[in-house]
C-alpha atoms as a PDB file:
ATOM      1  CA  UNK A   1      37.322   2.479 -59.595  1.00  0.00           C
ATOM      2  CA  UNK A   2      34.790  -0.281 -60.100  1.00  0.00           C
ATOM      3  CA  UNK A   3      31.100   0.215 -59.305  1.00  0.00           C
ATOM      4  CA  UNK A   4      31.277  -2.517 -56.632  1.00  0.00           C
ATOM      5  CA  UNK A   5      34.197  -0.814 -54.904  1.00  0.00           C
ATOM      6  CA  UNK A   6      32.478   2.566 -55.127  1.00  0.00           C
ATOM      7  CA  UNK A   7      29.342   1.137 -53.532  1.00  0.00           C
ATOM      8  CA  UNK A   8      31.293  -0.177 -50.567  1.00  0.00           C
ATOM      9  CA  UNK A   9      33.333   3.000 -50.185  1.00  0.00           C
ATOM     10  CA  UNK A  10      30.191   5.094 -50.126  1.00  0.00           C
ATOM     11  CA  UNK A  11      28.404   2.791 -47.701  1.00  0.00           C
ATOM     12  CA  UNK A  12      31.389   2.733 -45.358  1.00  0.00           C
ATOM     13  CA  UNK A  13      31.774   6.496 -45.538  1.00  0.00           C
ATOM     14  CA  UNK A  14      28.086   6.944 -44.890  1.00  0.00           C
ATOM     15  CA  UNK A  15      28.170   4.741 -41.841  1.00  0.00           C
ATOM     16  CA  UNK A  16      31.050   6.725 -40.428  1.00  0.00           C
ATOM     17  CA  UNK A  17      29.510  10.051 -41.370  1.00  0.00           C
ATOM     18  CA  UNK A  18      26.133   9.211 -39.887  1.00  0.00           C
ATOM     19  CA  UNK A  19      27.660   8.127 -36.622  1.00  0.00           C
ATOM     20  CA  UNK A  20      29.649  11.362 -36.472  1.00  0.00           C
ATOM     21  CA  UNK A  21      26.573  13.468 -37.231  1.00  0.00           C
ATOM     22  CA  UNK A  22      24.886  12.304 -34.036  1.00  0.00           C
ATOM     23  CA  UNK A  23      27.850  13.104 -31.763  1.00  0.00           C
ATOM     24  CA  UNK A  24      28.490  16.296 -29.804  1.00  0.00           C
ATOM     25  CA  UNK A  25      30.762  18.817 -31.531  1.00  0.00           C
ATOM     26  CA  UNK A  26      33.651  17.875 -29.226  1.00  0.00           C
ATOM     27  CA  UNK A  27      33.666  14.401 -30.803  1.00  0.00           C
ATOM     28  CA  UNK A  28      33.630  15.569 -34.417  1.00  0.00           C
ATOM     29  CA  UNK A  29      37.274  14.769 -35.209  1.00  0.00           C
ATOM     30  CA  UNK A  30      36.350  11.633 -37.113  1.00  0.00           C
ATOM     31  CA  UNK A  31      36.347  10.512 -40.704  1.00  0.00           C
ATOM     32  CA  UNK A  32      33.420  11.730 -42.820  1.00  0.00           C
ATOM     33  CA  UNK A  33      32.663  11.269 -46.495  1.00  0.00           C
ATOM     34  CA  UNK A  34      34.032  13.808 -48.941  1.00  0.00           C
ATOM     35  CA  UNK A  35      31.316  12.971 -51.476  1.00  0.00           C
ATOM     36  CA  UNK A  36      29.551  16.123 -52.674  1.00  0.00           C
ATOM     37  CA  UNK A  37      25.900  16.486 -53.668  1.00  0.00           C
ATOM     38  CA  UNK A  38      26.665  17.088 -57.343  1.00  0.00           C
ATOM     39  CA  UNK A  39      28.627  13.860 -57.655  1.00  0.00           C
ATOM     40  CA  UNK A  40      25.912  11.963 -55.783  1.00  0.00           C
ATOM     41  CA  UNK A  41      23.321  13.347 -58.204  1.00  0.00           C
ATOM     42  CA  UNK A  42      25.429  12.007 -61.078  1.00  0.00           C
ATOM     43  CA  UNK A  43      25.501   8.547 -59.480  1.00  0.00           C
ATOM     44  CA  UNK A  44      21.725   8.625 -59.020  1.00  0.00           C
ATOM     45  CA  UNK A  45      21.012   9.882 -62.541  1.00  0.00           C
ATOM     46  CA  UNK A  46      23.031   7.470 -64.683  1.00  0.00           C
ATOM     47  CA  UNK A  47      22.147   3.825 -65.213  1.00  0.00           C
ATOM     48  CA  UNK A  48      25.707   2.477 -64.805  1.00  0.00           C
ATOM     49  CA  UNK A  49      26.040   3.961 -61.306  1.00  0.00           C
ATOM     50  CA  UNK A  50      22.485   3.853 -59.959  1.00  0.00           C
ATOM     51  CA  UNK A  51      23.498   0.918 -57.711  1.00  0.00           C
ATOM     52  CA  UNK A  52      25.950   3.252 -55.964  1.00  0.00           C
ATOM     53  CA  UNK A  53      23.107   5.670 -55.287  1.00  0.00           C
ATOM     54  CA  UNK A  54      20.870   2.878 -54.020  1.00  0.00           C
ATOM     55  CA  UNK A  55      23.608   1.559 -51.719  1.00  0.00           C
ATOM     56  CA  UNK A  56      24.201   5.017 -50.268  1.00  0.00           C
ATOM     57  CA  UNK A  57      20.481   5.514 -49.638  1.00  0.00           C
ATOM     58  CA  UNK A  58      20.209   2.086 -48.038  1.00  0.00           C
ATOM     59  CA  UNK A  59      23.222   2.842 -45.862  1.00  0.00           C
ATOM     60  CA  UNK A  60      21.722   6.119 -44.713  1.00  0.00           C
ATOM     61  CA  UNK A  61      18.438   4.408 -43.866  1.00  0.00           C
ATOM     62  CA  UNK A  62      20.317   1.744 -41.873  1.00  0.00           C
ATOM     63  CA  UNK A  63      22.380   4.384 -40.075  1.00  0.00           C
ATOM     64  CA  UNK A  64      19.324   6.360 -39.025  1.00  0.00           C
ATOM     65  CA  UNK A  65      17.505   3.216 -37.894  1.00  0.00           C
ATOM     66  CA  UNK A  66      20.528   2.139 -35.838  1.00  0.00           C
ATOM     67  CA  UNK A  67      20.801   5.649 -34.377  1.00  0.00           C
ATOM     68  CA  UNK A  68      17.236   5.336 -33.102  1.00  0.00           C
ATOM     69  CA  UNK A  69      18.070   1.973 -31.529  1.00  0.00           C
ATOM     70  CA  UNK A  70      21.171   3.488 -29.954  1.00  0.00           C
ATOM     71  CA  UNK A  71      19.190   6.468 -28.617  1.00  0.00           C
ATOM     72  CA  UNK A  72      16.707   4.103 -26.943  1.00  0.00           C
ATOM     73  CA  UNK A  73      19.615   2.324 -25.240  1.00  0.00           C
ATOM     74  CA  UNK A  74      21.157   5.459 -23.700  1.00  0.00           C
ATOM     75  CA  UNK A  75      22.048   4.747 -20.095  1.00  0.00           C
ATOM     76  CA  UNK A  76      22.255   0.989 -20.662  1.00  0.00           C
ATOM     77  CA  UNK A  77      25.850   0.186 -19.703  1.00  0.00           C
ATOM     78  CA  UNK A  78      25.776  -3.071 -21.697  1.00  0.00           C
ATOM     79  CA  UNK A  79      24.991  -1.324 -24.995  1.00  0.00           C
ATOM     80  CA  UNK A  80      28.032  -0.572 -27.204  1.00  0.00           C
ATOM     81  CA  UNK A  81      28.679   3.163 -27.844  1.00  0.00           C
ATOM     82  CA  UNK A  82      29.469   3.412 -31.514  1.00  0.00           C
ATOM     83  CA  UNK A  83      32.826   3.757 -33.098  1.00  0.00           C
ATOM     84  CA  UNK A  84      35.407   6.478 -33.566  1.00  0.00           C
ATOM     85  CA  UNK A  85      37.159   6.390 -36.933  1.00  0.00           C
ATOM     86  CA  UNK A  86      40.135   8.731 -37.198  1.00  0.00           C
ATOM     87  CA  UNK A  87      40.095  11.260 -40.055  1.00  0.00           C
ATOM     88  CA  UNK A  88      43.101   9.567 -41.688  1.00  0.00           C
ATOM     89  CA  UNK A  89      41.534   6.106 -41.861  1.00  0.00           C
ATOM     90  CA  UNK A  90      41.191   4.899 -45.432  1.00  0.00           C
ATOM     91  CA  UNK A  91      38.220   3.141 -46.962  1.00  0.00           C
ATOM     92  CA  UNK A  92      40.478   0.187 -47.746  1.00  0.00           C
ATOM     93  CA  UNK A  93      41.467  -0.050 -44.078  1.00  0.00           C
ATOM     94  CA  UNK A  94      37.840   0.071 -42.920  1.00  0.00           C
ATOM     95  CA  UNK A  95      36.837  -2.485 -45.534  1.00  0.00           C
ATOM     96  CA  UNK A  96      39.654  -4.773 -44.417  1.00  0.00           C
ATOM     97  CA  UNK A  97      38.504  -4.637 -40.803  1.00  0.00           C
ATOM     98  CA  UNK A  98      34.877  -5.314 -41.756  1.00  0.00           C
ATOM     99  CA  UNK A  99      35.716  -8.194 -44.116  1.00  0.00           C
ATOM    100  CA  UNK A 100      38.041  -9.782 -41.545  1.00  0.00           C
ATOM    101  CA  UNK A 101      35.364  -9.447 -38.862  1.00  0.00           C
ATOM    102  CA  UNK A 102      32.687 -10.966 -41.119  1.00  0.00           C
ATOM    103  CA  UNK A 103      34.938 -13.938 -41.967  1.00  0.00           C
ATOM    104  CA  UNK A 104      35.551 -14.439 -38.256  1.00  0.00           C
ATOM    105  CA  UNK A 105      31.838 -14.361 -37.425  1.00  0.00           C
ATOM    106  CA  UNK A 106      30.350 -16.433 -40.245  1.00  0.00           C
ATOM    107  CA  UNK A 107      27.706 -17.791 -37.875  1.00  0.00           C
ATOM    108  CA  UNK A 108      26.142 -14.311 -37.821  1.00  0.00           C
ATOM    109  CA  UNK A 109      25.946 -13.668 -41.577  1.00  0.00           C
ATOM    110  CA  UNK A 110      22.157 -14.101 -41.650  1.00  0.00           C
ATOM    111  CA  UNK A 111      21.746 -10.970 -39.475  1.00  0.00           C
ATOM    112  CA  UNK A 112      21.060  -7.525 -41.010  1.00  0.00           C
ATOM    113  CA  UNK A 113      24.173  -6.026 -42.590  1.00  0.00           C
ATOM    114  CA  UNK A 114      23.882  -2.754 -40.665  1.00  0.00           C
ATOM    115  CA  UNK A 115      24.111  -4.559 -37.342  1.00  0.00           C
ATOM    116  CA  UNK A 116      27.140  -6.557 -38.471  1.00  0.00           C
ATOM    117  CA  UNK A 117      29.058  -3.649 -40.001  1.00  0.00           C
ATOM    118  CA  UNK A 118      28.308  -1.525 -36.933  1.00  0.00           C
ATOM    119  CA  UNK A 119      29.689  -4.242 -34.657  1.00  0.00           C
ATOM    120  CA  UNK A 120      32.760  -4.765 -36.841  1.00  0.00           C
ATOM    121  CA  UNK A 121      33.519  -1.036 -36.867  1.00  0.00           C
ATOM    122  CA  UNK A 122      32.783  -0.779 -33.146  1.00  0.00           C
ATOM    123  CA  UNK A 123      35.295  -3.506 -32.364  1.00  0.00           C
ATOM    124  CA  UNK A 124      37.879  -2.141 -34.819  1.00  0.00           C
ATOM    125  CA  UNK A 125      37.578   1.535 -33.884  1.00  0.00           C
ATOM    126  CA  UNK A 126      36.566   1.832 -30.213  1.00  0.00           C
ATOM    127  CA  UNK A 127      35.946   5.289 -28.802  1.00  0.00           C
ATOM    128  CA  UNK A 128      37.819   6.831 -25.863  1.00  0.00           C
ATOM    129  CA  UNK A 129      36.708   4.503 -23.080  1.00  0.00           C
ATOM    130  CA  UNK A 130      37.079   1.366 -25.201  1.00  0.00           C
ATOM    131  CA  UNK A 131      33.382   0.550 -24.702  1.00  0.00           C
END
């Protein structure tokens, strides 16, 4: 697996995992990262893979920031609810949806990546009510 692919896989898994972490236990049947702390420490401790570590940290920071924005919008019926990624969804599938969405919305590519990936995943993996 290339470093570039690993970075994306980790970022995508983090986004999904962070969204799941903020949901009630009844909504926990979603895809979460299988990355373990020991492996993450290896990524963060070796020069060839430090970019993977940095991408994961950046993804976590984005996820938490977006969670705060989402929390402030509770009760606003126009605000999108998140996304619900099934446990069997693959990283390649998620990546395909995000890349396709980004190509289809090239006028928005100057926006923050977290906002765009969130929207792409939201539209690709709607939760129960389709909101």
